[in-house]
Amino acid sequence: MSDITPGLWELLIKGLWVTVQLTVYSAALGAVVALVIGLARTHRLWIVRFLSGAYFEIFRGTSALVFMFLVFFALPIGFGWQLVPMWAAVLAMGLTYGAYGSEIVRGAVAAVSPAQREAGIALSFTPAQSLRKVILPQAWPEMIPPLNNLLIELLKGTALVSILGVGDISFGAQLVRNATGQSAPVYTVVLVMYFVLAFVLTRGMRALERQAKAGIGQASPKRRKLSLRQTNDVAASGVSAGSGGA
């Protein structure tokens, strides 16, 4: 660790910031793709379901790294323009992980009780209104835990971009290792960085999950236990008061 000079530490810190940017931008693009494709796969029109299903199967069955190479190296040949490595990586990872996320969206929407859909019809909602006001609020809390796992996978998957020369944590670690000739200390620091980022993301997603469940009247297990205990205490107090009066 003492061989890592302040200049080398700066490389790792800059790489950490690049990794955060990659994760945020890719997650934002992936969220849009997941929502659009996931909802399209539940559409009434078969052609919409077919096209969205084809997108899902193609991106689920291909390598994100190979698609990254395709975007970065093949697009300039075919279209005459080239994305910078950072945005090529964001595009490739956002489209790929968005396909994975679309299955989470589709499954959560399909799991909404038919009675909830019938309630929207009874209230004379249009399909769009029923989706926005009834189905998505019910499905959203169920999406968060698997989306949290997918977000962590996306975070760890950003290490692939170092192959394109993007200066993320992994790329910075390679430079520091080459400069110091030591692997174990450098990669231990990198593992700790990834763990801290994953821990922060997990805590944030859990807070979001609690808020989403509170929005539809679902308390967390801890709060349900507290409420049940309070109810039992009130009941016990009533029984005691009744016994005393007798």
Foldseek 3Di string as FASTA:
>chain_A
DVLCDPVLVVLLVVQLVLLVVLLVLLVVLLVVLLQCLLVQCVDPDVVSVVVSVVLLVVLQPDDLLVQLCCQAPVCCVVPVDGDQLSVSSSVSSSSNLSSVSNVLSNVLLVPPDVVQVVVCVVVVHDPVCSCVPGRCLRSVLVSLVVVLVSSLVSSVVVLSSVVVVPSHNNVSLVVSCVVRVDNVVSVVVVVVSSVVVSVVSVVVSVVVSQVSCVVVPHHDPVVVVVVVVVVVVVVVVVVVVVVVVD
